[in-house]
N, C-alpha and C. Protein backbone atom coordinates (compact mmCIF):
# COMPACT_ATOMS: atom_id res chain seq x y z
N MET A 1 5.41 53.96 87.83
CA MET A 1 6.33 52.87 87.55
C MET A 1 5.85 52.18 86.27
N PRO A 2 6.72 52.05 85.28
CA PRO A 2 6.31 51.44 84.01
C PRO A 2 6.03 49.94 84.16
N LEU A 3 5.14 49.45 83.31
CA LEU A 3 4.79 48.04 83.32
C LEU A 3 5.51 47.27 82.22
N GLU A 4 6.24 48.01 81.36
CA GLU A 4 7.00 47.35 80.30
C GLU A 4 8.31 48.09 80.08
N MET A 5 9.29 47.38 79.51
CA MET A 5 10.57 48.00 79.17
C MET A 5 11.21 47.22 78.02
N GLU A 6 12.06 47.89 77.28
CA GLU A 6 12.80 47.26 76.20
C GLU A 6 14.17 46.85 76.74
N GLN A 7 14.56 45.61 76.48
CA GLN A 7 15.85 45.11 76.95
C GLN A 7 16.28 43.95 76.07
N GLU A 8 17.60 43.73 76.02
CA GLU A 8 18.16 42.59 75.30
C GLU A 8 17.75 41.30 76.01
N CYS A 9 17.15 40.36 75.27
CA CYS A 9 16.76 39.07 75.83
C CYS A 9 17.83 38.05 75.48
N PRO A 10 18.44 37.40 76.48
CA PRO A 10 19.49 36.42 76.20
C PRO A 10 18.97 35.18 75.49
N GLU A 11 17.70 34.85 75.64
CA GLU A 11 17.13 33.68 74.97
C GLU A 11 16.82 33.98 73.51
N CYS A 12 16.22 35.14 73.23
CA CYS A 12 15.85 35.52 71.87
C CYS A 12 17.05 36.05 71.08
N GLY A 13 18.01 36.67 71.79
CA GLY A 13 19.17 37.25 71.14
C GLY A 13 18.88 38.60 70.49
N GLU A 14 17.76 39.21 70.83
CA GLU A 14 17.35 40.50 70.28
C GLU A 14 16.75 41.36 71.38
N THR A 15 16.56 42.64 71.09
CA THR A 15 15.88 43.53 72.01
C THR A 15 14.39 43.21 71.95
N ARG A 16 13.81 42.97 73.11
CA ARG A 16 12.40 42.60 73.21
C ARG A 16 11.71 43.43 74.28
N THR A 17 10.39 43.39 74.27
CA THR A 17 9.60 44.03 75.31
C THR A 17 9.46 43.06 76.48
N PHE A 18 9.86 43.52 77.67
CA PHE A 18 9.68 42.75 78.89
C PHE A 18 8.54 43.37 79.68
N TRP A 19 7.71 42.51 80.26
CA TRP A 19 6.56 42.94 81.03
C TRP A 19 6.78 42.67 82.52
N LYS A 20 6.40 43.63 83.35
CA LYS A 20 6.51 43.45 84.80
C LYS A 20 5.42 42.46 85.23
N THR A 21 5.84 41.38 85.90
CA THR A 21 4.88 40.35 86.32
C THR A 21 4.67 40.34 87.83
N GLY A 22 5.44 41.13 88.56
CA GLY A 22 5.24 41.19 90.00
C GLY A 22 6.16 42.18 90.68
N THR A 23 5.70 42.71 91.81
CA THR A 23 6.48 43.63 92.63
C THR A 23 6.23 43.29 94.10
N THR A 24 7.31 43.22 94.88
CA THR A 24 7.21 42.91 96.30
C THR A 24 8.20 43.77 97.07
N LYS A 25 7.78 44.27 98.21
CA LYS A 25 8.68 45.02 99.09
C LYS A 25 9.42 44.03 99.99
N LEU A 26 10.75 44.12 100.02
CA LEU A 26 11.60 43.28 100.85
C LEU A 26 12.47 44.15 101.74
N HIS A 27 13.17 43.54 102.67
CA HIS A 27 14.09 44.31 103.52
C HIS A 27 15.27 44.83 102.69
N LEU A 28 15.56 44.22 101.54
CA LEU A 28 16.64 44.68 100.65
C LEU A 28 16.21 45.83 99.75
N GLY A 29 14.90 45.99 99.58
CA GLY A 29 14.37 47.00 98.68
C GLY A 29 13.17 46.43 97.94
N THR A 30 12.83 47.03 96.80
CA THR A 30 11.70 46.58 96.02
C THR A 30 12.15 45.55 94.99
N LYS A 31 11.54 44.37 95.02
CA LYS A 31 11.84 43.29 94.10
C LYS A 31 10.84 43.36 92.94
N GLN A 32 11.37 43.37 91.71
CA GLN A 32 10.52 43.40 90.53
C GLN A 32 10.83 42.19 89.65
N LYS A 33 9.79 41.50 89.20
CA LYS A 33 9.95 40.37 88.29
C LYS A 33 9.56 40.83 86.89
N TRP A 34 10.41 40.49 85.89
CA TRP A 34 10.19 40.86 84.49
C TRP A 34 10.20 39.61 83.62
N GLN A 35 9.38 39.61 82.56
CA GLN A 35 9.31 38.46 81.67
C GLN A 35 9.22 38.91 80.22
N CYS A 36 10.01 38.23 79.35
CA CYS A 36 10.00 38.51 77.92
C CYS A 36 8.64 38.13 77.33
N GLY A 37 8.06 39.03 76.56
CA GLY A 37 6.76 38.78 75.93
C GLY A 37 6.82 37.76 74.81
N GLU A 38 8.00 37.49 74.27
CA GLU A 38 8.15 36.54 73.16
C GLU A 38 8.41 35.12 73.64
N CYS A 39 9.43 34.92 74.48
CA CYS A 39 9.86 33.56 74.84
C CYS A 39 9.55 33.17 76.28
N GLY A 40 9.23 34.16 77.13
CA GLY A 40 8.91 33.85 78.52
C GLY A 40 10.11 33.90 79.46
N PHE A 41 11.32 34.22 78.95
CA PHE A 41 12.50 34.35 79.81
C PHE A 41 12.21 35.40 80.88
N GLY A 42 12.54 35.09 82.13
CA GLY A 42 12.27 36.02 83.22
C GLY A 42 13.51 36.33 84.03
N PHE A 43 13.49 37.48 84.69
CA PHE A 43 14.57 37.86 85.59
C PHE A 43 14.02 38.74 86.70
N VAL A 44 14.86 38.94 87.73
CA VAL A 44 14.47 39.69 88.92
C VAL A 44 15.44 40.84 89.12
N ARG A 45 14.91 41.97 89.55
CA ARG A 45 15.72 43.12 89.97
C ARG A 45 15.30 43.53 91.36
N ILE A 46 16.29 43.84 92.20
CA ILE A 46 16.01 44.35 93.54
C ILE A 46 16.74 45.68 93.69
N ASP A 47 16.03 46.78 93.53
CA ASP A 47 16.54 48.15 93.67
C ASP A 47 17.96 48.36 93.16
N GLY A 48 18.30 47.80 92.02
CA GLY A 48 19.60 48.00 91.43
C GLY A 48 20.72 47.22 92.08
N ALA A 49 20.48 46.63 93.26
CA ALA A 49 21.52 45.87 93.94
C ALA A 49 21.67 44.46 93.36
N VAL A 50 20.57 43.87 92.93
CA VAL A 50 20.57 42.53 92.36
C VAL A 50 19.84 42.60 91.02
N ASP A 51 20.44 42.01 89.97
CA ASP A 51 19.82 41.98 88.66
C ASP A 51 20.17 40.66 88.01
N THR A 52 19.25 39.69 88.06
CA THR A 52 19.52 38.37 87.50
C THR A 52 19.44 38.36 85.97
N GLY A 53 19.04 39.47 85.37
CA GLY A 53 18.95 39.55 83.93
C GLY A 53 20.13 40.26 83.28
N ALA A 54 21.09 40.70 84.08
CA ALA A 54 22.24 41.42 83.55
C ALA A 54 23.12 40.47 82.73
N THR A 55 23.53 40.95 81.56
CA THR A 55 24.43 40.15 80.71
C THR A 55 25.85 40.61 80.92
N ALA A 56 26.77 39.67 80.89
CA ALA A 56 28.20 39.99 81.13
C ALA A 56 28.85 40.53 79.90
């Protein structure tokens, strides 16, 4: 499982490196916390079902 990924950061407005800051097993699946290395913006993903970092 990678510890970093490239993604568009809504705070920076550019593609940035996000770092995995935590992983937890839940009844919904695996919860992963990600944080932008530049500004600190963070989001959560739960096995593709929930993604608080998705942009509309």
